[in-house]
Amino acid sequence: MGALIAGVITLLIGIAGITRWGVAVINFLKGSVPLMLVFGGLLAVIAGITSIKDAAEAKKLEKEAEEETAKEKEQEEKK
């Protein structure tokens, strides 16, 4: 219940601030959007690089596991 009351009060203060300083809020948003796009793009590039590295590592581990099972089969056939 306290969170609801705090949320309503915060919402009212925010609306009052936007109406009083509307031009400043719009200017702030205009300036912050390009920065958000740059940081979002940077995060996407980092996530993509990480995904590629993880896929390469998984492929490497899969190949090693296949080689190990092949060696085990060879040893069983020799017995």
PDB file of N, CA and C in Angstrom:
ATOM      1  N   MET A   1       0.824  -1.186   0.000  1.00  0.00           N
ATOM      2  CA  MET A   1       0.000   0.000   0.000  1.00  0.00           C
ATOM      3  C   MET A   1       0.871   1.253   0.000  1.00  0.00           C
ATOM      4  N   GLY A   2       1.983   1.204   0.739  1.00  0.00           N
ATOM      5  CA  GLY A   2       2.895   2.340   0.789  1.00  0.00           C
ATOM      6  C   GLY A   2       3.528   2.617  -0.563  1.00  0.00           C
ATOM      7  N   ALA A   3       3.833   1.537  -1.296  1.00  0.00           N
ATOM      8  CA  ALA A   3       4.430   1.711  -2.618  1.00  0.00           C
ATOM      9  C   ALA A   3       3.435   2.364  -3.575  1.00  0.00           C
ATOM     10  N   LEU A   4       2.164   2.034  -3.449  1.00  0.00           N
ATOM     11  CA  LEU A   4       1.136   2.630  -4.292  1.00  0.00           C
ATOM     12  C   LEU A   4       1.023   4.127  -4.032  1.00  0.00           C
ATOM     13  N   ILE A   5       1.008   4.499  -2.764  1.00  0.00           N
ATOM     14  CA  ILE A   5       0.913   5.920  -2.402  1.00  0.00           C
ATOM     15  C   ILE A   5       2.153   6.665  -2.883  1.00  0.00           C
ATOM     16  N   ALA A   6       3.327   6.100  -2.659  1.00  0.00           N
ATOM     17  CA  ALA A   6       4.565   6.731  -3.114  1.00  0.00           C
ATOM     18  C   ALA A   6       4.578   6.857  -4.631  1.00  0.00           C
ATOM     19  N   GLY A   7       4.072   5.861  -5.327  1.00  0.00           N
ATOM     20  CA  GLY A   7       4.018   5.903  -6.776  1.00  0.00           C
ATOM     21  C   GLY A   7       3.105   7.005  -7.284  1.00  0.00           C
ATOM     22  N   VAL A   8       1.950   7.164  -6.650  1.00  0.00           N
ATOM     23  CA  VAL A   8       1.011   8.216  -7.057  1.00  0.00           C
ATOM     24  C   VAL A   8       1.611   9.590  -6.802  1.00  0.00           C
ATOM     25  N   ILE A   9       2.248   9.764  -5.646  1.00  0.00           N
ATOM     26  CA  ILE A   9       2.867  11.056  -5.322  1.00  0.00           C
ATOM     27  C   ILE A   9       3.990  11.370  -6.308  1.00  0.00           C
ATOM     28  N   THR A  10       4.818  10.386  -6.595  1.00  0.00           N
ATOM     29  CA  THR A  10       5.917  10.576  -7.545  1.00  0.00           C
ATOM     30  C   THR A  10       5.387  10.899  -8.931  1.00  0.00           C
ATOM     31  N   LEU A  11       4.325  10.224  -9.339  1.00  0.00           N
ATOM     32  CA  LEU A  11       3.707  10.492 -10.633  1.00  0.00           C
ATOM     33  C   LEU A  11       3.191  11.929 -10.717  1.00  0.00           C
ATOM     34  N   LEU A  12       2.528  12.386  -9.658  1.00  0.00           N
ATOM     35  CA  LEU A  12       2.006  13.756  -9.643  1.00  0.00           C
ATOM     36  C   LEU A  12       3.131  14.793  -9.683  1.00  0.00           C
ATOM     37  N   ILE A  13       4.189  14.542  -8.934  1.00  0.00           N
ATOM     38  CA  ILE A  13       5.334  15.468  -8.952  1.00  0.00           C
ATOM     39  C   ILE A  13       5.977  15.482 -10.338  1.00  0.00           C
ATOM     40  N   GLY A  14       6.097  14.308 -10.964  1.00  0.00           N
ATOM     41  CA  GLY A  14       6.660  14.229 -12.309  1.00  0.00           C
ATOM     42  C   GLY A  14       5.825  14.975 -13.329  1.00  0.00           C
ATOM     43  N   ILE A  15       4.511  14.818 -13.259  1.00  0.00           N
ATOM     44  CA  ILE A  15       3.627  15.531 -14.193  1.00  0.00           C
ATOM     45  C   ILE A  15       3.730  17.035 -13.975  1.00  0.00           C
ATOM     46  N   ALA A  16       3.793  17.461 -12.707  1.00  0.00           N
ATOM     47  CA  ALA A  16       3.933  18.888 -12.415  1.00  0.00           C
ATOM     48  C   ALA A  16       5.261  19.418 -12.961  1.00  0.00           C
ATOM     49  N   GLY A  17       6.314  18.667 -12.825  1.00  0.00           N
ATOM     50  CA  GLY A  17       7.618  19.081 -13.347  1.00  0.00           C
ATOM     51  C   GLY A  17       7.635  19.189 -14.854  1.00  0.00           C
ATOM     52  N   ILE A  18       6.979  18.236 -15.511  1.00  0.00           N
ATOM     53  CA  ILE A  18       6.936  18.266 -16.975  1.00  0.00           C
ATOM     54  C   ILE A  18       6.141  19.477 -17.456  1.00  0.00           C
ATOM     55  N   THR A  19       5.028  19.765 -16.801  1.00  0.00           N
ATOM     56  CA  THR A  19       4.224  20.909 -17.242  1.00  0.00           C
ATOM     57  C   THR A  19       4.930  22.226 -16.953  1.00  0.00           C
ATOM     58  N   ARG A  20       5.665  22.300 -15.852  1.00  0.00           N
ATOM     59  CA  ARG A  20       6.345  23.555 -15.507  1.00  0.00           C
ATOM     60  C   ARG A  20       7.592  23.772 -16.352  1.00  0.00           C
ATOM     61  N   TRP A  21       8.370  22.709 -16.568  1.00  0.00           N
ATOM     62  CA  TRP A  21       9.626  22.816 -17.321  1.00  0.00           C
ATOM     63  C   TRP A  21       9.554  21.994 -18.607  1.00  0.00           C
ATOM     64  N   GLY A  22       8.460  22.095 -19.312  1.00  0.00           N
ATOM     65  CA  GLY A  22       8.232  21.289 -20.515  1.00  0.00           C
ATOM     66  C   GLY A  22       9.303  21.451 -21.570  1.00  0.00           C
ATOM     67  N   VAL A  23       9.723  22.695 -21.844  1.00  0.00           N
ATOM     68  CA  VAL A  23      10.737  22.934 -22.875  1.00  0.00           C
ATOM     69  C   VAL A  23      12.074  22.320 -22.468  1.00  0.00           C
ATOM     70  N   ALA A  24      12.433  22.481 -21.210  1.00  0.00           N
ATOM     71  CA  ALA A  24      13.696  21.913 -20.727  1.00  0.00           C
ATOM     72  C   ALA A  24      13.666  20.385 -20.786  1.00  0.00           C
ATOM     73  N   VAL A  25      12.514  19.805 -20.474  1.00  0.00           N
ATOM     74  CA  VAL A  25      12.383  18.343 -20.535  1.00  0.00           C
ATOM     75  C   VAL A  25      12.542  17.858 -21.979  1.00  0.00           C
ATOM     76  N   ILE A  26      11.911  18.544 -22.912  1.00  0.00           N
ATOM     77  CA  ILE A  26      12.013  18.166 -24.324  1.00  0.00           C
ATOM     78  C   ILE A  26      13.453  18.302 -24.806  1.00  0.00           C
ATOM     79  N   ASN A  27      14.128  19.379 -24.434  1.00  0.00           N
ATOM     80  CA  ASN A  27      15.532  19.565 -24.821  1.00  0.00           C
ATOM     81  C   ASN A  27      16.416  18.476 -24.238  1.00  0.00           C
ATOM     82  N   PHE A  28      16.149  18.105 -22.992  1.00  0.00           N
ATOM     83  CA  PHE A  28      16.907  17.021 -22.361  1.00  0.00           C
ATOM     84  C   PHE A  28      16.704  15.715 -23.119  1.00  0.00           C
ATOM     85  N   LEU A  29      15.456  15.420 -23.466  1.00  0.00           N
ATOM     86  CA  LEU A  29      15.177  14.187 -24.197  1.00  0.00           C
ATOM     87  C   LEU A  29      15.817  14.193 -25.576  1.00  0.00           C
ATOM     88  N   LYS A  30      15.792  15.338 -26.234  1.00  0.00           N
ATOM     89  CA  LYS A  30      16.439  15.442 -27.552  1.00  0.00           C
ATOM     90  C   LYS A  30      17.934  15.170 -27.450  1.00  0.00           C
ATOM     91  N   GLY A  31      18.549  15.621 -26.388  1.00  0.00           N
ATOM     92  CA  GLY A  31      19.981  15.397 -26.209  1.00  0.00           C
ATOM     93  C   GLY A  31      20.322  13.998 -25.736  1.00  0.00           C
ATOM     94  N   SER A  32      19.409  13.369 -25.012  1.00  0.00           N
ATOM     95  CA  SER A  32      19.725  12.060 -24.455  1.00  0.00           C
ATOM     96  C   SER A  32      19.437  10.910 -25.422  1.00  0.00           C
ATOM     97  N   VAL A  33      18.554  11.110 -26.386  1.00  0.00           N
ATOM     98  CA  VAL A  33      18.220  10.028 -27.318  1.00  0.00           C
ATOM     99  C   VAL A  33      19.443   9.565 -28.118  1.00  0.00           C
ATOM    100  N   PRO A  34      20.240  10.463 -28.702  1.00  0.00           N
ATOM    101  CA  PRO A  34      21.428   9.976 -29.423  1.00  0.00           C
ATOM    102  C   PRO A  34      22.400   9.200 -28.520  1.00  0.00           C
ATOM    103  N   LEU A  35      22.560   9.663 -27.287  1.00  0.00           N
ATOM    104  CA  LEU A  35      23.441   8.934 -26.363  1.00  0.00           C
ATOM    105  C   LEU A  35      22.892   7.549 -26.056  1.00  0.00           C
ATOM    106  N   MET A  36      21.582   7.451 -25.859  1.00  0.00           N
ATOM    107  CA  MET A  36      20.983   6.145 -25.597  1.00  0.00           C
ATOM    108  C   MET A  36      21.152   5.216 -26.799  1.00  0.00           C
ATOM    109  N   LEU A  37      21.024   5.776 -28.008  1.00  0.00           N
ATOM    110  CA  LEU A  37      21.219   4.956 -29.205  1.00  0.00           C
ATOM    111  C   LEU A  37      22.659   4.471 -29.319  1.00  0.00           C
ATOM    112  N   VAL A  38      23.615   5.333 -29.018  1.00  0.00           N
ATOM    113  CA  VAL A  38      25.028   4.936 -29.078  1.00  0.00           C
ATOM    114  C   VAL A  38      25.310   3.833 -28.065  1.00  0.00           C
ATOM    115  N   PHE A  39      24.861   4.021 -26.825  1.00  0.00           N
ATOM    116  CA  PHE A  39      25.116   3.003 -25.802  1.00  0.00           C
ATOM    117  C   PHE A  39      24.352   1.716 -26.084  1.00  0.00           C
ATOM    118  N   GLY A  40      23.137   1.825 -26.609  1.00  0.00           N
ATOM    119  CA  GLY A  40      22.386   0.630 -26.981  1.00  0.00           C
ATOM    120  C   GLY A  40      23.065  -0.136 -28.101  1.00  0.00           C
ATOM    121  N   GLY A  41      23.568   0.610 -29.089  1.00  0.00           N
ATOM    122  CA  GLY A  41      24.299  -0.039 -30.178  1.00  0.00           C
ATOM    123  C   GLY A  41      25.570  -0.712 -29.693  1.00  0.00           C
ATOM    124  N   LEU A  42      26.266  -0.048 -28.788  1.00  0.00           N
ATOM    125  CA  LEU A  42      27.483  -0.626 -28.221  1.00  0.00           C
ATOM    126  C   LEU A  42      27.172  -1.917 -27.468  1.00  0.00           C
ATOM    127  N   LEU A  43      26.102  -1.906 -26.702  1.00  0.00           N
ATOM    128  CA  LEU A  43      25.705  -3.125 -25.987  1.00  0.00           C
ATOM    129  C   LEU A  43      25.341  -4.247 -26.962  1.00  0.00           C
ATOM    130  N   ALA A  44      24.669  -3.891 -28.057  1.00  0.00           N
ATOM    131  CA  ALA A  44      24.297  -4.900 -29.049  1.00  0.00           C
ATOM    132  C   ALA A  44      25.538  -5.499 -29.708  1.00  0.00           C
ATOM    133  N   VAL A  45      26.529  -4.669 -30.008  1.00  0.00           N
ATOM    134  CA  VAL A  45      27.771  -5.165 -30.612  1.00  0.00           C
ATOM    135  C   VAL A  45      28.491  -6.093 -29.640  1.00  0.00           C
ATOM    136  N   ILE A  46      28.575  -5.699 -28.389  1.00  0.00           N
ATOM    137  CA  ILE A  46      29.235  -6.538 -27.384  1.00  0.00           C
ATOM    138  C   ILE A  46      28.496  -7.867 -27.231  1.00  0.00           C
ATOM    139  N   ALA A  47      27.163  -7.813 -27.213  1.00  0.00           N
ATOM    140  CA  ALA A  47      26.381  -9.052 -27.099  1.00  0.00           C
ATOM    141  C   ALA A  47      26.599  -9.942 -28.316  1.00  0.00           C
ATOM    142  N   GLY A  48      26.677  -9.345 -29.492  1.00  0.00           N
ATOM    143  CA  GLY A  48      26.912 -10.130 -30.702  1.00  0.00           C
ATOM    144  C   GLY A  48      28.272 -10.796 -30.701  1.00  0.00           C
ATOM    145  N   ILE A  49      29.292 -10.060 -30.295  1.00  0.00           N
ATOM    146  CA  ILE A  49      30.645 -10.624 -30.234  1.00  0.00           C
ATOM    147  C   ILE A  49      30.693 -11.763 -29.221  1.00  0.00           C
ATOM    148  N   THR A  50      30.069 -11.566 -28.087  1.00  0.00           N
ATOM    149  CA  THR A  50      30.034 -12.608 -27.057  1.00  0.00           C
ATOM    150  C   THR A  50      29.320 -13.849 -27.569  1.00  0.00           C
ATOM    151  N   SER A  51      28.233 -13.644 -28.295  1.00  0.00           N
ATOM    152  CA  SER A  51      27.479 -14.766 -28.853  1.00  0.00           C
ATOM    153  C   SER A  51      28.325 -15.549 -29.855  1.00  0.00           C
ATOM    154  N   ILE A  52      29.058 -14.849 -30.685  1.00  0.00           N
ATOM    155  CA  ILE A  52      29.930 -15.516 -31.667  1.00  0.00           C
ATOM    156  C   ILE A  52      31.019 -16.309 -30.952  1.00  0.00           C
ATOM    157  N   LYS A  53      31.618 -15.710 -29.917  1.00  0.00           N
ATOM    158  CA  LYS A  53      32.660 -16.417 -29.166  1.00  0.00           C
ATOM    159  C   LYS A  53      32.092 -17.656 -28.483  1.00  0.00           C
ATOM    160  N   ASP A  54      30.892 -17.540 -27.897  1.00  0.00           N
ATOM    161  CA  ASP A  54      30.280 -18.685 -27.236  1.00  0.00           C
ATOM    162  C   ASP A  54      29.973 -19.802 -28.217  1.00  0.00           C
ATOM    163  N   ALA A  55      29.504 -19.442 -29.408  1.00  0.00           N
ATOM    164  CA  ALA A  55      29.200 -20.450 -30.418  1.00  0.00           C
ATOM    165  C   ALA A  55      30.470 -21.166 -30.864  1.00  0.00           C
ATOM    166  N   ALA A  56      31.560 -20.423 -31.036  1.00  0.00           N
ATOM    167  CA  ALA A  56      32.831 -21.028 -31.431  1.00  0.00           C
ATOM    168  C   ALA A  56      33.336 -21.966 -30.340  1.00  0.00           C
ATOM    169  N   GLU A  57      33.214 -21.547 -29.100  1.00  0.00           N
ATOM    170  CA  GLU A  57      33.649 -22.390 -27.975  1.00  0.00           C
ATOM    171  C   GLU A  57      32.807 -23.649 -27.883  1.00  0.00           C
ATOM    172  N   ALA A  58      31.505 -23.525 -28.085  1.00  0.00           N
ATOM    173  CA  ALA A  58      30.629 -24.699 -28.042  1.00  0.00           C
ATOM    174  C   ALA A  58      30.973 -25.676 -29.159  1.00  0.00           C
ATOM    175  N   LYS A  59      31.259 -25.148 -30.349  1.00  0.00           N
ATOM    176  CA  LYS A  59      31.627 -26.003 -31.472  1.00  0.00           C
ATOM    177  C   LYS A  59      32.944 -26.730 -31.179  1.00  0.00           C
ATOM    178  N   LYS A  60      33.885 -26.008 -30.563  1.00  0.00           N
ATOM    179  CA  LYS A  60      35.176 -26.603 -30.222  1.00  0.00           C
ATOM    180  C   LYS A  60      34.988 -27.726 -29.201  1.00  0.00           C
ATOM    181  N   LEU A  61      34.181 -27.483 -28.184  1.00  0.00           N
ATOM    182  CA  LEU A  61      33.939 -28.504 -27.160  1.00  0.00           C
ATOM    183  C   LEU A  61      33.208 -29.710 -27.746  1.00  0.00           C
ATOM    184  N   GLU A  62      32.280 -29.454 -28.658  1.00  0.00           N
ATOM    185  CA  GLU A  62      31.565 -30.551 -29.300  1.00  0.00           C
ATOM    186  C   GLU A  62      32.514 -31.409 -30.126  1.00  0.00           C
ATOM    187  N   LYS A  63      33.428 -30.765 -30.836  1.00  0.00           N
ATOM    188  CA  LYS A  63      34.400 -31.504 -31.646  1.00  0.00           C
ATOM    189  C   LYS A  63      35.307 -32.340 -30.751  1.00  0.00           C
ATOM    190  N   GLU A  64      35.753 -31.764 -29.632  1.00  0.00           N
ATOM    191  CA  GLU A  64      36.600 -32.512 -28.701  1.00  0.00           C
ATOM    192  C   GLU A  64      35.861 -33.705 -28.123  1.00  0.00           C
ATOM    193  N   ALA A  65      34.576 -33.531 -27.824  1.00  0.00           N
ATOM    194  CA  ALA A  65      33.792 -34.641 -27.284  1.00  0.00           C
ATOM    195  C   ALA A  65      33.636 -35.747 -28.317  1.00  0.00           C
ATOM    196  N   GLU A  66      33.422 -35.370 -29.586  1.00  0.00           N
ATOM    197  CA  GLU A  66      33.311 -36.372 -30.646  1.00  0.00           C
ATOM    198  C   GLU A  66      34.615 -37.132 -30.814  1.00  0.00           C
ATOM    199  N   GLU A  67      35.740 -36.423 -30.752  1.00  0.00           N
ATOM    200  CA  GLU A  67      37.041 -37.084 -30.879  1.00  0.00           C
ATOM    201  C   GLU A  67      37.281 -38.044 -29.716  1.00  0.00           C
ATOM    202  N   GLU A  68      36.858 -37.637 -28.532  1.00  0.00           N
ATOM    203  CA  GLU A  68      37.051 -38.481 -27.358  1.00  0.00           C
ATOM    204  C   GLU A  68      36.196 -39.742 -27.457  1.00  0.00           C
ATOM    205  N   THR A  69      34.959 -39.615 -27.905  1.00  0.00           N
ATOM    206  CA  THR A  69      34.119 -40.808 -28.056  1.00  0.00           C
ATOM    207  C   THR A  69      34.646 -41.713 -29.156  1.00  0.00           C
ATOM    208  N   ALA A  70      35.222 -41.129 -30.206  1.00  0.00           N
ATOM    209  CA  ALA A  70      35.814 -41.944 -31.277  1.00  0.00           C
ATOM    210  C   ALA A  70      37.007 -42.727 -30.727  1.00  0.00           C
ATOM    211  N   LYS A  71      37.831 -42.097 -29.905  1.00  0.00           N
ATOM    212  CA  LYS A  71      38.981 -42.792 -29.307  1.00  0.00           C
ATOM    213  C   LYS A  71      38.508 -43.910 -28.393  1.00  0.00           C
ATOM    214  N   GLU A  72      37.450 -43.671 -27.643  1.00  0.00           N
ATOM    215  CA  GLU A  72      36.927 -44.703 -26.741  1.00  0.00           C
ATOM    216  C   GLU A  72      36.400 -45.887 -27.533  1.00  0.00           C
ATOM    217  N   LYS A  73      35.753 -45.628 -28.653  1.00  0.00           N
ATOM    218  CA  LYS A  73      35.246 -46.717 -29.501  1.00  0.00           C
ATOM    219  C   LYS A  73      36.400 -47.533 -30.068  1.00  0.00           C
ATOM    220  N   GLU A  74      37.469 -46.855 -30.474  1.00  0.00           N
ATOM    221  CA  GLU A  74      38.647 -47.542 -31.010  1.00  0.00           C
ATOM    222  C   GLU A  74      39.256 -48.459 -29.952  1.00  0.00           C
ATOM    223  N   GLN A  75      39.321 -47.955 -28.713  1.00  0.00           N
ATOM    224  CA  GLN A  75      39.896 -48.753 -27.629  1.00  0.00           C
ATOM    225  C   GLN A  75      39.008 -49.949 -27.326  1.00  0.00           C
ATOM    226  N   GLU A  76      37.703 -49.785 -27.409  1.00  0.00           N
ATOM    227  CA  GLU A  76      36.795 -50.902 -27.145  1.00  0.00           C
ATOM    228  C   GLU A  76      36.901 -51.959 -28.259  1.00  0.00           C
ATOM    229  N   GLU A  77      37.100 -51.489 -29.491  1.00  0.00           N
ATOM    230  CA  GLU A  77      37.227 -52.421 -30.610  1.00  0.00           C
ATOM    231  C   GLU A  77      38.521 -53.231 -30.521  1.00  0.00           C
ATOM    232  N   LYS A  78      39.569 -52.636 -29.964  1.00  0.00           N
ATOM    233  CA  LYS A  78      40.845 -53.333 -29.833  1.00  0.00           C
ATOM    234  C   LYS A  78      40.774 -54.423 -28.783  1.00  0.00           C
ATOM    235  N   LYS A  79      39.883 -54.285 -27.840  1.00  0.00           N
ATOM    236  CA  LYS A  79      39.774 -55.273 -26.747  1.00  0.00           C
ATOM    237  C   LYS A  79      39.113 -56.494 -27.215  1.00  0.00           C
TER     238      LYS A  79
END
